[in-house]
Protein backbone atom coordinates (compact mmCIF):
# COMPACT_ATOMS: atom_id res chain seq x y z
CA MET A 1 -24.15 7.25 -22.77
CA ASN A 2 -26.30 5.07 -20.54
CA VAL A 3 -23.76 3.17 -18.43
CA ASP A 4 -25.01 0.15 -16.47
CA TRP A 5 -23.15 0.87 -13.26
CA ALA A 6 -24.87 -1.97 -11.41
CA ARG A 7 -23.39 -4.37 -13.95
CA LEU A 8 -20.00 -2.68 -14.22
CA ARG A 9 -19.76 -2.18 -10.44
CA GLY A 10 -17.52 0.82 -10.84
CA VAL A 11 -15.49 2.03 -7.86
CA VAL A 12 -13.27 5.11 -7.63
CA LEU A 13 -10.79 5.38 -4.76
CA GLU A 14 -10.22 9.11 -4.16
CA SER A 15 -7.69 10.09 -1.49
CA ASP A 16 -6.86 13.66 -0.49
CA ASP A 17 -3.82 15.43 1.01
CA TRP A 18 -0.91 13.63 -0.65
CA GLY A 19 2.26 15.74 -0.81
CA LEU A 20 0.99 18.01 1.98
CA CYS A 21 3.45 18.85 4.76
CA ALA A 22 0.94 18.73 7.62
CA TRP A 23 -0.02 18.27 10.38
CA ALA A 24 3.26 17.42 12.13
CA ALA A 25 6.67 16.70 10.63
CA ASP A 26 7.80 14.39 13.45
CA ARG A 27 6.94 13.27 16.96
CA ASP A 28 8.70 16.26 18.52
CA ALA A 29 6.50 18.63 16.55
CA TRP A 30 3.38 16.65 17.44
CA ALA A 31 4.22 16.86 21.14
CA ALA A 32 5.13 20.55 20.96
CA LEU A 33 1.83 21.48 19.31
CA ALA A 34 -0.48 19.12 21.18
CA GLU A 35 -1.91 21.87 23.42
CA THR A 36 -2.53 24.46 20.72
CA PRO A 37 -6.19 25.15 19.83
CA ALA A 38 -6.09 23.49 16.41
CA PHE A 39 -4.50 20.30 17.73
CA ARG A 40 -6.94 20.16 20.65
CA SER A 41 -9.95 20.56 18.37
CA ARG A 42 -12.10 17.71 17.12
CA ALA A 43 -10.22 17.74 13.81
CA GLY A 44 -6.92 17.88 15.68
CA GLN A 45 -7.77 14.76 17.65
CA ARG A 46 -7.99 12.90 14.33
CA TYR A 47 -5.32 14.66 12.31
CA GLY A 48 -2.73 15.70 14.89
CA GLY A 49 -0.39 12.78 14.28
CA SER A 50 -0.86 12.73 10.53
CA THR A 51 2.21 13.54 8.51
CA LEU A 52 3.73 13.68 5.05
CA GLU A 53 3.88 10.23 3.52
CA SER A 54 7.21 8.45 3.27
CA ALA A 55 8.54 6.27 0.47
CA ALA A 56 7.74 3.29 2.70
CA ASP A 57 4.12 4.42 3.10
CA VAL A 58 3.65 4.63 -0.67
CA GLU A 59 5.41 1.31 -1.24
CA ALA A 60 3.22 -0.40 1.36
CA LEU A 61 0.04 0.93 -0.24
CA ALA A 62 1.19 0.00 -3.74
CA THR A 63 2.04 -3.52 -2.58
CA LEU A 64 -1.40 -3.82 -0.97
CA LEU A 65 -3.16 -2.66 -4.14
CA LEU A 66 -1.22 -5.13 -6.26
CA GLU A 67 -2.47 -7.99 -4.05
CA HIS A 68 -5.97 -7.51 -5.48
CA ARG A 69 -7.71 -7.88 -8.83
CA GLY A 70 -11.05 -6.39 -9.78
CA GLY A 71 -13.74 -7.82 -12.02
CA ASP A 72 -11.77 -6.86 -15.13
CA GLY A 73 -8.59 -8.51 -13.87
CA ALA A 74 -6.86 -5.18 -13.13
CA ALA A 75 -5.53 -4.07 -9.76
CA PRO A 76 -7.26 -1.23 -7.87
CA VAL A 77 -5.90 2.21 -8.67
CA TRP A 78 -5.35 4.84 -5.99
CA GLN A 79 -6.32 8.35 -7.11
CA ALA A 80 -4.00 10.43 -4.95
CA ASN A 81 -5.20 14.03 -4.95
CA THR A 82 -1.89 15.84 -4.50
CA VAL A 83 -0.76 19.37 -3.62
CA MET A 84 2.03 20.81 -5.70
CA ALA A 85 4.06 22.82 -3.16
CA ASN A 86 4.67 23.50 0.51
CA PRO A 87 5.86 26.51 2.50
CA ASP A 88 9.57 27.21 2.68
CA TYR A 89 9.63 27.37 6.47
CA ALA A 90 13.20 28.59 6.78
CA ARG A 91 12.56 31.60 4.56
CA LEU A 92 9.17 32.25 6.12
CA ALA A 93 10.60 32.23 9.66
CA ALA A 94 13.19 34.78 8.57
CA ASN A 95 10.63 37.07 6.92
CA SER A 96 6.83 36.74 6.96
CA SER A 97 6.20 40.23 5.57
CA GLY A 98 6.26 39.32 1.87
CA ALA A 99 4.64 36.71 -0.33
CA LEU A 100 4.46 33.13 0.90
CA PRO A 101 7.73 31.40 -0.11
CA LEU A 102 7.24 27.90 -1.48
CA VAL A 103 9.13 24.70 -2.18
CA GLU A 104 7.62 22.86 -5.15
CA LEU A 105 7.35 19.08 -5.41
CA PRO A 106 9.29 16.89 -5.67
CA ASP A 107 11.44 19.07 -3.37
CA LEU A 108 10.41 19.43 0.27
CA PRO A 109 11.09 21.72 3.24
CA ALA A 110 14.12 20.56 5.22
CA ARG A 111 12.32 19.23 8.30
CA TRP A 112 9.94 17.27 6.07
CA SER A 113 12.61 15.34 4.18
CA ARG A 114 11.33 12.00 2.85
CA PRO A 115 14.18 10.29 0.96
CA GLY A 116 13.06 8.39 -2.12
CA LEU A 117 9.43 9.51 -1.85
CA TRP A 118 8.89 10.72 -5.36
CA GLU A 119 10.80 7.81 -6.85
CA GLU A 120 8.38 5.48 -5.06
CA VAL A 121 5.39 7.46 -6.34
CA ARG A 122 6.71 7.10 -9.88
CA ARG A 123 7.18 3.36 -9.40
CA ALA A 124 3.60 3.01 -8.16
CA CYS A 125 2.37 5.05 -11.15
CA GLY A 126 4.35 2.80 -13.47
CA ALA A 127 2.75 -0.25 -11.88
CA GLY A 128 -0.66 1.19 -12.70
CA VAL A 129 -1.89 1.46 -9.10
CA TRP A 130 -1.21 5.16 -8.40
CA TRP A 131 -2.78 8.06 -10.28
CA ILE A 132 -2.24 11.65 -9.16
CA GLU A 133 -4.81 14.39 -9.57
CA LEU A 134 -4.88 18.02 -8.47
CA HIS A 135 -5.55 19.07 -4.88
CA GLY A 136 -4.41 22.67 -5.14
CA LEU A 137 -1.10 24.46 -4.85
CA HIS A 138 -0.43 24.16 -1.10
CA HIS A 139 -3.83 23.56 0.59
CA LEU A 140 -3.44 26.66 2.79
CA PRO A 141 -5.37 29.94 3.12
CA GLU A 142 -2.13 31.84 2.69
CA SER A 143 -3.49 35.36 3.24
CA ALA A 144 -5.20 34.37 6.48
CA TRP A 145 -2.10 32.50 7.63
CA LEU A 146 0.32 35.29 6.81
CA ALA A 147 -1.97 37.77 8.57
CA ALA A 148 -1.94 35.58 11.70
CA LEU A 149 1.86 35.39 11.60
CA ARG A 150 2.20 39.15 11.16
CA ARG A 151 -0.19 39.78 14.05
CA GLY A 152 1.93 37.50 16.15
CA ASP A 153 -0.84 35.00 16.93
CA PRO A 154 0.81 32.69 19.47
CA ASP A 155 -0.46 29.43 17.96
CA ALA A 156 0.58 30.46 14.43
CA ARG A 157 4.08 31.46 15.58
CA ARG A 158 4.44 28.30 17.65
CA ALA A 159 3.42 26.11 14.71
CA LEU A 160 5.82 27.94 12.42
CA ALA A 161 8.66 27.17 14.86
CA GLU A 162 7.80 23.48 14.35
CA ALA A 163 7.58 23.84 10.53
CA SER A 164 3.82 23.38 10.56
CA PRO A 165 1.10 25.63 9.14
CA VAL A 166 -1.65 24.30 11.40
CA CYS A 167 -3.19 26.98 13.60
CA ALA A 168 -6.65 28.38 14.26
CA ALA A 169 -6.51 30.85 11.35
CA VAL A 170 -5.58 28.11 8.88
CA GLU A 171 -8.20 25.68 10.15
CA ALA A 172 -10.93 28.32 9.80
CA SER A 173 -10.44 28.75 6.06
CA GLY A 174 -9.01 27.11 2.93
CA GLU A 175 -6.80 27.78 -0.06
CA TYR A 176 -9.71 28.71 -2.35
CA ASP A 177 -12.12 29.92 0.31
CA PRO A 178 -14.03 32.98 -0.96
CA SER A 179 -12.56 34.98 1.94
CA GLU A 180 -9.11 34.70 0.34
CA PRO A 181 -8.26 37.55 -2.09
CA GLU A 182 -9.44 36.79 -5.61
CA ASP A 183 -6.07 37.52 -7.21
CA THR A 184 -4.37 35.13 -4.76
CA ARG A 185 -6.82 32.36 -5.63
CA HIS A 186 -6.34 32.91 -9.36
CA ARG A 187 -2.55 32.97 -9.03
CA ASN A 188 -2.43 29.83 -6.90
CA LEU A 189 -4.62 27.82 -9.23
CA ALA A 190 -2.59 28.82 -12.29
CA ARG A 191 0.67 27.94 -10.55
CA ALA A 192 -0.74 24.64 -9.28
CA ILE A 193 -1.83 23.58 -12.77
CA ALA A 194 1.50 24.60 -14.31
CA ARG A 195 3.43 22.65 -11.67
CA PHE A 196 1.18 19.64 -12.09
CA GLN A 197 1.88 19.57 -15.83
CA THR A 198 5.62 19.64 -15.18
CA LEU A 199 5.50 17.01 -12.45
CA ALA A 200 3.07 14.57 -14.06
CA GLY A 201 3.86 15.19 -17.71
CA ARG A 202 0.18 15.80 -18.42
CA ALA A 203 -2.59 18.22 -17.49
CA PRO A 204 -4.76 17.45 -14.46
CA ARG A 205 -8.01 15.77 -15.42
CA SER A 206 -9.78 16.26 -12.12
CA PHE A 207 -9.67 18.72 -9.25
CA CYS A 208 -10.58 18.43 -5.57
CA PRO A 209 -10.58 21.89 -3.94
CA PRO A 210 -8.95 21.64 -0.48
CA ASP A 211 -11.26 21.56 2.53
CA TYR A 212 -14.26 21.59 0.13
CA ARG A 213 -14.19 25.39 0.38
CA TRP A 214 -14.77 27.16 -2.92
CA ASP A 215 -17.32 29.11 -4.93
CA GLU A 216 -18.45 29.57 -8.52
CA SER A 217 -15.47 31.78 -9.37
CA LEU A 218 -13.04 28.91 -8.72
CA GLU A 219 -14.94 26.55 -11.01
CA ALA A 220 -14.99 29.20 -13.73
CA ASP A 221 -11.27 29.80 -13.26
CA ALA A 222 -10.52 26.08 -13.44
CA GLU A 223 -12.64 25.79 -16.57
CA ARG A 224 -10.60 28.55 -18.23
CA HIS A 225 -7.53 26.40 -17.56
CA GLY A 226 -9.24 23.34 -19.06
CA VAL A 227 -9.84 21.56 -15.74
CA THR A 228 -13.54 20.74 -15.77
CA THR A 229 -14.04 17.59 -13.67
CA ILE A 230 -14.83 18.58 -10.07
CA GLN A 231 -14.72 16.30 -7.05
CA GLY A 232 -16.61 16.82 -3.81
CA LYS A 233 -19.47 19.00 -5.08
CA ALA A 234 -21.90 17.29 -2.72
CA GLU A 235 -19.54 18.01 0.19
CA GLN A 236 -18.91 21.66 -0.73
CA ALA A 237 -18.81 23.87 2.38
CA GLY A 238 -21.22 26.76 2.83
CA GLY A 239 -24.81 27.21 1.80
CA PRO A 240 -27.96 26.03 3.59
CA TYR A 241 -29.18 22.49 4.20
CA PRO A 242 -26.05 20.40 3.43
CA PRO A 243 -27.91 17.03 3.56
CA LEU A 244 -30.47 18.28 1.05
CA ARG A 245 -27.75 19.64 -1.23
CA ARG A 246 -25.95 16.29 -1.11
CA LEU A 247 -29.16 14.51 -2.05
CA LEU A 248 -29.84 16.89 -4.94
CA VAL A 249 -26.32 16.43 -6.31
CA ALA A 250 -26.79 12.67 -6.19
CA LEU A 251 -30.18 12.83 -7.92
CA ARG A 252 -28.72 14.89 -10.78
CA TRP A 253 -26.33 12.09 -11.77
CA PRO A 254 -24.84 12.21 -14.27
CA HIS A 255 -24.29 15.81 -13.20
CA ALA A 256 -22.87 18.16 -15.81
CA ARG A 257 -23.16 21.90 -16.43
CA GLY A 258 -21.74 23.13 -19.68
CA ALA A 259 -18.18 21.84 -19.87
CA ARG A 260 -18.14 20.93 -16.18
CA PHE A 261 -18.62 17.40 -14.92
CA TYR A 262 -19.27 16.68 -11.24
CA MET A 263 -18.39 13.42 -9.55
CA PRO A 264 -21.05 11.70 -7.39
CA PRO A 265 -21.16 12.16 -3.60
CA ARG A 266 -18.32 10.51 -1.75
CA ILE A 267 -18.53 7.53 0.55
CA ALA A 268 -16.31 8.15 3.57
CA PHE A 269 -13.87 5.35 4.38
CA GLU A 270 -11.89 6.66 7.35
CA PRO A 271 -10.68 3.91 9.73
CA CYS A 272 -8.61 6.53 11.63
CA GLY A 273 -6.37 4.25 13.60
CA PRO A 274 -6.57 1.04 15.59
CA GLY A 275 -9.50 0.22 17.83
CA PRO A 276 -11.62 -2.81 18.76
CA GLY A 277 -14.09 -3.49 15.95
CA ARG A 278 -13.52 -0.11 14.33
CA ALA A 279 -12.19 -1.39 11.03
CA ARG A 280 -14.92 -4.00 10.69
CA ALA A 281 -17.65 -1.41 11.26
CA VAL A 282 -16.14 1.04 8.78
CA VAL A 283 -15.71 -1.66 6.13
CA GLU A 284 -19.29 -2.91 6.53
CA LYS A 285 -20.75 0.60 6.40
CA SER A 286 -18.74 1.50 3.31
CA LEU A 287 -19.68 -1.73 1.52
CA ALA A 288 -23.36 -1.07 2.19
CA ALA A 289 -23.00 2.43 0.75
CA VAL A 290 -21.16 1.10 -2.32
CA ARG A 291 -23.92 -1.40 -3.04
CA ALA A 292 -26.53 1.34 -2.65
CA GLN A 293 -24.76 3.48 -5.22
CA TRP A 294 -24.66 0.62 -7.72
CA ARG A 295 -28.38 -0.08 -7.19
CA ARG A 296 -29.13 3.59 -7.88
CA GLY A 297 -27.22 3.55 -11.14
CA ARG A 298 -24.12 5.43 -10.02
CA PRO A 299 -20.44 4.58 -9.64
CA ALA A 300 -19.28 4.33 -6.03
CA VAL A 301 -16.75 7.04 -5.12
CA ILE A 302 -14.89 6.12 -1.93
CA SER A 303 -12.99 8.87 -0.12
CA SER A 304 -10.16 7.82 2.17
CA HIS A 305 -7.83 10.56 3.37
CA ARG A 306 -4.09 10.18 3.64
CA LEU A 307 -4.18 10.38 7.44
CA ASN A 308 -5.29 6.74 7.52
CA TYR A 309 -2.06 5.55 5.91
CA ALA A 310 0.65 8.09 6.80
CA HIS A 311 0.89 8.69 10.53
CA LEU A 312 3.55 9.24 13.17
CA ASP A 313 2.18 6.19 15.00
CA PRO A 314 3.08 3.14 12.87
CA ALA A 315 0.23 1.14 14.41
CA TRP A 316 -2.25 3.73 13.12
CA SER A 317 -0.93 3.41 9.54
CA ALA A 318 -0.89 -0.39 9.76
CA ALA A 319 -4.50 -0.41 10.98
CA GLY A 320 -5.50 1.78 8.04
CA ARG A 321 -3.88 -0.57 5.56
CA ASP A 322 -5.49 -3.60 7.23
CA ALA A 323 -8.92 -1.98 6.93
CA LEU A 324 -8.27 -1.08 3.31
CA ARG A 325 -7.15 -4.64 2.59
CA ALA A 326 -10.44 -5.93 4.00
CA LEU A 327 -12.46 -3.43 1.96
CA LEU A 328 -10.63 -4.17 -1.29
CA GLY A 329 -10.94 -7.91 -0.73
CA ALA A 330 -14.70 -7.59 -0.31
CA LEU A 331 -15.03 -5.31 -3.35
CA CYS A 332 -13.00 -7.66 -5.52
CA HIS A 333 -15.14 -10.58 -4.32
CA GLU A 334 -18.16 -8.67 -5.64
CA GLY A 335 -16.48 -8.06 -9.00
CA ALA A 336 -15.82 -4.33 -8.64
CA THR A 337 -14.11 -2.53 -11.53
CA PHE A 338 -11.69 0.11 -10.30
CA LEU A 339 -11.66 3.45 -12.12
CA VAL A 340 -10.41 7.01 -11.75
CA ASP A 341 -12.44 10.17 -12.31
CA ALA A 342 -11.31 10.47 -15.93
CA ASP A 343 -12.62 6.94 -16.62
CA VAL A 344 -16.01 7.73 -15.10
CA ARG A 345 -16.42 10.85 -17.21
CA SER A 346 -15.27 9.12 -20.36
CA LEU A 347 -17.67 6.21 -19.78
CA VAL A 348 -20.58 8.63 -19.31
CA GLU A 349 -19.71 10.75 -22.34
CA ARG A 350 -18.26 8.20 -24.77
CA GLY A 351 -19.02 4.75 -23.42
CA ALA A 352 -15.35 3.84 -22.98
CA ARG A 353 -12.67 4.37 -20.36
CA ALA A 354 -10.18 7.19 -20.70
CA GLU A 355 -6.78 6.70 -22.28
CA ARG A 356 -4.77 7.10 -19.11
CA GLY A 357 -1.27 5.83 -19.70
CA ARG A 358 0.82 5.58 -16.53
CA GLY A 359 0.30 8.04 -13.67
C-alpha cells in the first residue's frame, strides 16, 4: 500500500532495555564499580547510573503519556523493548562452571527487587500507552561473560559481587553477536520467545536485537519462530561504511525481504540527564529529524533508551521526562499519529493499523 506518511505524520516511540538488571542495582553498586574499565568508558559515563525501572518510573511515564493526544485523539504509546530474564546472581556466585542460571520476568534477582513493577506495567498496557516487544532473553553475551568469570577477570568478579553483569567482556559483545556459540544463540532466542508469549499473552510482533549485534543467521532463526519485523537494521553493528549502510536502508523504504520487514532508521532522542540547554537542543534536533522523515515519505521512528527515565539519580530521570514531555507536546501540536511497529507494517501491507488489543 502507498501510505501518505507526510499526511498521517506517523511516529513510533521505540525504547530499549526495559526489564534489564543493569548497569547498577543501587547507589552502593554504582560507587563500588565506578573505577572498573566498563564504568570508566565512554558508554559507562552515560550508563553507569542507569538501573532497572521501578513501578514509580513506569507510573510516571504512563502519566506523562496520558497527558498528550495525537492527531487521531489517542495518547502516545511507548514501545518498550523488553528482555525476558536476568541472571540469578546468588546461584551464579556459588557456581559459575555450568550454564547461566536465570530468573525470568516478572521475577527478579534479590538485589534488584522492584515491588509492584510488573503490576504497573500491566496497568500502563491496559491504559493503552505501554506496548512491550522483544529485546532478547537477557541482553548478555553469556558465553563471553561466563568465560571471563571462570578466568577470574577482576572486573567481571567485582561486578558479580555487586549483582551486575557489566564488565569489559560483556561490553565487547552482545547476546546474539556472531562470536557467541550458534547453539547458545538459537537456545536463547527460542526461550525468549516462549517466555514472551507467556508473559504478554501473545507472540512478539517485533524484535530489536540487543546492542545491534547480529547476523543473517539470527534473522533466519527469528523468521522460523514467526518473528519477522526487525528493528535497528540501519544501526546494525559490523560491516563497512556504517553511514552509507544507514542511507541505503532508508532509501529502500519500505524495506522488506521475503517475510521480513525492516523498520526505518532510528532517530536518537537521548537527553541523558540534566544540563543547561541540553533538553532543548535534543528536542529541536529530534523534531527536525522527524519532519525530514515525513517529507521523505517515511514514518519517524524515535529511539529513546531506558537510561533516560530510570536512573539512580532522580534528577536525571526527571530531566528525561521533562525533555520527553517537551518533545511529545511539540509532536502533538504538529498532529502526529503515534504507532507501534506492528501498526507501521500493517499500514504498509494492508492499509490499516494492526489489531493490537492491550499490551
